[in-house]
N, C-alpha and C. Protein backbone atom coordinates (compact mmCIF):
# COMPACT_ATOMS: atom_id res chain seq x y z
N MET A 1 8.49 -25.83 -13.54
CA MET A 1 8.97 -24.63 -12.86
C MET A 1 8.43 -24.57 -11.43
N MET A 2 7.15 -24.93 -11.23
CA MET A 2 6.58 -24.89 -9.90
C MET A 2 6.88 -26.19 -9.15
N PRO A 3 7.40 -26.06 -7.93
CA PRO A 3 7.70 -27.29 -7.18
C PRO A 3 6.43 -28.04 -6.80
N GLU A 4 6.56 -29.31 -6.61
CA GLU A 4 5.44 -30.15 -6.17
C GLU A 4 5.21 -29.89 -4.68
N LEU A 5 4.04 -29.41 -4.35
CA LEU A 5 3.74 -29.05 -2.96
C LEU A 5 2.93 -30.12 -2.24
N GLY A 6 2.42 -31.06 -2.97
CA GLY A 6 1.69 -32.17 -2.36
C GLY A 6 0.48 -31.69 -1.59
N LYS A 7 0.31 -32.25 -0.41
CA LYS A 7 -0.89 -31.94 0.39
C LYS A 7 -0.86 -30.53 0.98
N TYR A 8 0.28 -29.86 0.89
CA TYR A 8 0.39 -28.51 1.43
C TYR A 8 0.16 -27.42 0.38
N ALA A 9 -0.19 -27.82 -0.82
CA ALA A 9 -0.32 -26.86 -1.92
C ALA A 9 -1.30 -25.74 -1.58
N PHE A 10 -2.47 -26.08 -1.08
CA PHE A 10 -3.46 -25.04 -0.79
C PHE A 10 -2.94 -24.06 0.26
N ALA A 11 -2.36 -24.58 1.34
CA ALA A 11 -1.86 -23.71 2.42
C ALA A 11 -0.75 -22.79 1.92
N VAL A 12 0.16 -23.34 1.14
CA VAL A 12 1.28 -22.53 0.65
C VAL A 12 0.78 -21.47 -0.33
N LEU A 13 -0.04 -21.87 -1.28
CA LEU A 13 -0.54 -20.91 -2.26
C LEU A 13 -1.45 -19.87 -1.62
N ALA A 14 -2.25 -20.28 -0.65
CA ALA A 14 -3.10 -19.32 0.06
C ALA A 14 -2.24 -18.32 0.82
N SER A 15 -1.16 -18.79 1.42
CA SER A 15 -0.26 -17.89 2.15
C SER A 15 0.38 -16.88 1.21
N TYR A 16 0.81 -17.37 0.04
CA TYR A 16 1.35 -16.43 -0.95
C TYR A 16 0.29 -15.42 -1.36
N GLY A 17 -0.90 -15.87 -1.59
CA GLY A 17 -1.97 -14.96 -2.00
C GLY A 17 -2.28 -13.91 -0.95
N VAL A 18 -2.38 -14.35 0.30
CA VAL A 18 -2.65 -13.41 1.39
C VAL A 18 -1.50 -12.40 1.53
N SER A 19 -0.27 -12.89 1.43
CA SER A 19 0.89 -12.01 1.54
C SER A 19 0.90 -10.96 0.43
N LEU A 20 0.66 -11.40 -0.79
CA LEU A 20 0.63 -10.45 -1.90
C LEU A 20 -0.52 -9.45 -1.75
N GLY A 21 -1.65 -9.93 -1.27
CA GLY A 21 -2.78 -9.04 -1.04
C GLY A 21 -2.47 -7.99 0.01
N LEU A 22 -1.84 -8.40 1.10
CA LEU A 22 -1.48 -7.44 2.15
C LEU A 22 -0.44 -6.44 1.67
N LEU A 23 0.52 -6.90 0.88
CA LEU A 23 1.50 -5.97 0.31
C LEU A 23 0.81 -4.94 -0.59
N ALA A 24 -0.14 -5.38 -1.38
CA ALA A 24 -0.87 -4.46 -2.25
C ALA A 24 -1.64 -3.43 -1.42
N VAL A 25 -2.28 -3.89 -0.35
CA VAL A 25 -3.02 -2.97 0.53
C VAL A 25 -2.07 -1.94 1.15
N LEU A 26 -0.90 -2.39 1.59
CA LEU A 26 0.07 -1.46 2.18
C LEU A 26 0.56 -0.43 1.17
N VAL A 27 0.81 -0.86 -0.05
CA VAL A 27 1.26 0.08 -1.08
C VAL A 27 0.17 1.09 -1.38
N LEU A 28 -1.05 0.62 -1.57
CA LEU A 28 -2.16 1.53 -1.86
C LEU A 28 -2.41 2.50 -0.71
N ALA A 29 -2.34 2.02 0.52
CA ALA A 29 -2.53 2.89 1.68
C ALA A 29 -1.42 3.94 1.76
N SER A 30 -0.20 3.54 1.45
CA SER A 30 0.92 4.48 1.49
C SER A 30 0.77 5.56 0.42
N VAL A 31 0.37 5.16 -0.77
CA VAL A 31 0.18 6.13 -1.85
C VAL A 31 -0.95 7.09 -1.50
N ALA A 32 -2.05 6.57 -0.98
CA ALA A 32 -3.18 7.42 -0.60
C ALA A 32 -2.78 8.40 0.50
N ARG A 33 -2.03 7.93 1.46
CA ARG A 33 -1.60 8.81 2.55
C ARG A 33 -0.64 9.89 2.04
N ALA A 34 0.25 9.51 1.15
CA ALA A 34 1.18 10.49 0.58
C ALA A 34 0.43 11.58 -0.18
N ARG A 35 -0.60 11.19 -0.92
CA ARG A 35 -1.41 12.18 -1.64
C ARG A 35 -2.13 13.11 -0.68
N ARG A 36 -2.68 12.54 0.40
CA ARG A 36 -3.36 13.39 1.39
C ARG A 36 -2.38 14.35 2.05
N MET A 37 -1.21 13.87 2.41
CA MET A 37 -0.21 14.72 3.06
C MET A 37 0.26 15.83 2.13
N ARG A 38 0.45 15.48 0.84
CA ARG A 38 0.88 16.49 -0.12
C ARG A 38 -0.19 17.56 -0.27
N ALA A 39 -1.45 17.16 -0.34
CA ALA A 39 -2.54 18.13 -0.46
C ALA A 39 -2.62 19.01 0.79
N ASP A 40 -2.47 18.40 1.97
CA ASP A 40 -2.49 19.18 3.21
C ASP A 40 -1.33 20.17 3.24
N LEU A 41 -0.16 19.74 2.82
CA LEU A 41 1.00 20.63 2.81
C LEU A 41 0.79 21.79 1.85
N GLU A 42 0.23 21.51 0.69
CA GLU A 42 -0.04 22.60 -0.26
C GLU A 42 -1.04 23.59 0.30
N ARG A 43 -2.07 23.09 1.02
CA ARG A 43 -3.04 24.01 1.65
C ARG A 43 -2.36 24.90 2.68
N VAL A 44 -1.50 24.31 3.49
CA VAL A 44 -0.81 25.09 4.52
C VAL A 44 0.11 26.11 3.87
N GLU A 45 0.83 25.71 2.82
CA GLU A 45 1.73 26.64 2.15
C GLU A 45 0.96 27.77 1.49
N ASP A 46 -0.18 27.47 0.87
CA ASP A 46 -1.00 28.53 0.26
C ASP A 46 -1.50 29.50 1.31
N ARG A 47 -1.93 28.95 2.45
CA ARG A 47 -2.43 29.80 3.53
C ARG A 47 -1.32 30.71 4.05
N SER A 48 -0.10 30.17 4.20
CA SER A 48 0.99 30.99 4.72
C SER A 48 1.44 32.04 3.72
N LYS A 49 1.32 31.77 2.41
CA LYS A 49 1.68 32.76 1.40
C LYS A 49 0.68 33.92 1.42
N ARG A 50 -0.60 33.61 1.65
CA ARG A 50 -1.63 34.66 1.66
C ARG A 50 -1.53 35.53 2.91
N HIS A 51 -1.11 34.94 4.03
CA HIS A 51 -1.08 35.68 5.28
C HIS A 51 0.30 36.20 5.63
N GLY A 52 1.30 35.84 4.87
CA GLY A 52 2.65 36.19 5.27
C GLY A 52 3.29 37.09 4.33
């Protein structure tokens, strides 16, 4: 199933690994930011309900 990569095997597999790692970091950062933004929005909405 896996193609023969010969002398480039390490470079190719390392590139795949780095790419997958960066994608994982981007997904985790996006989820964390979305949670922070949702919490900030809820705080602002609660504040406006109390004062408005």
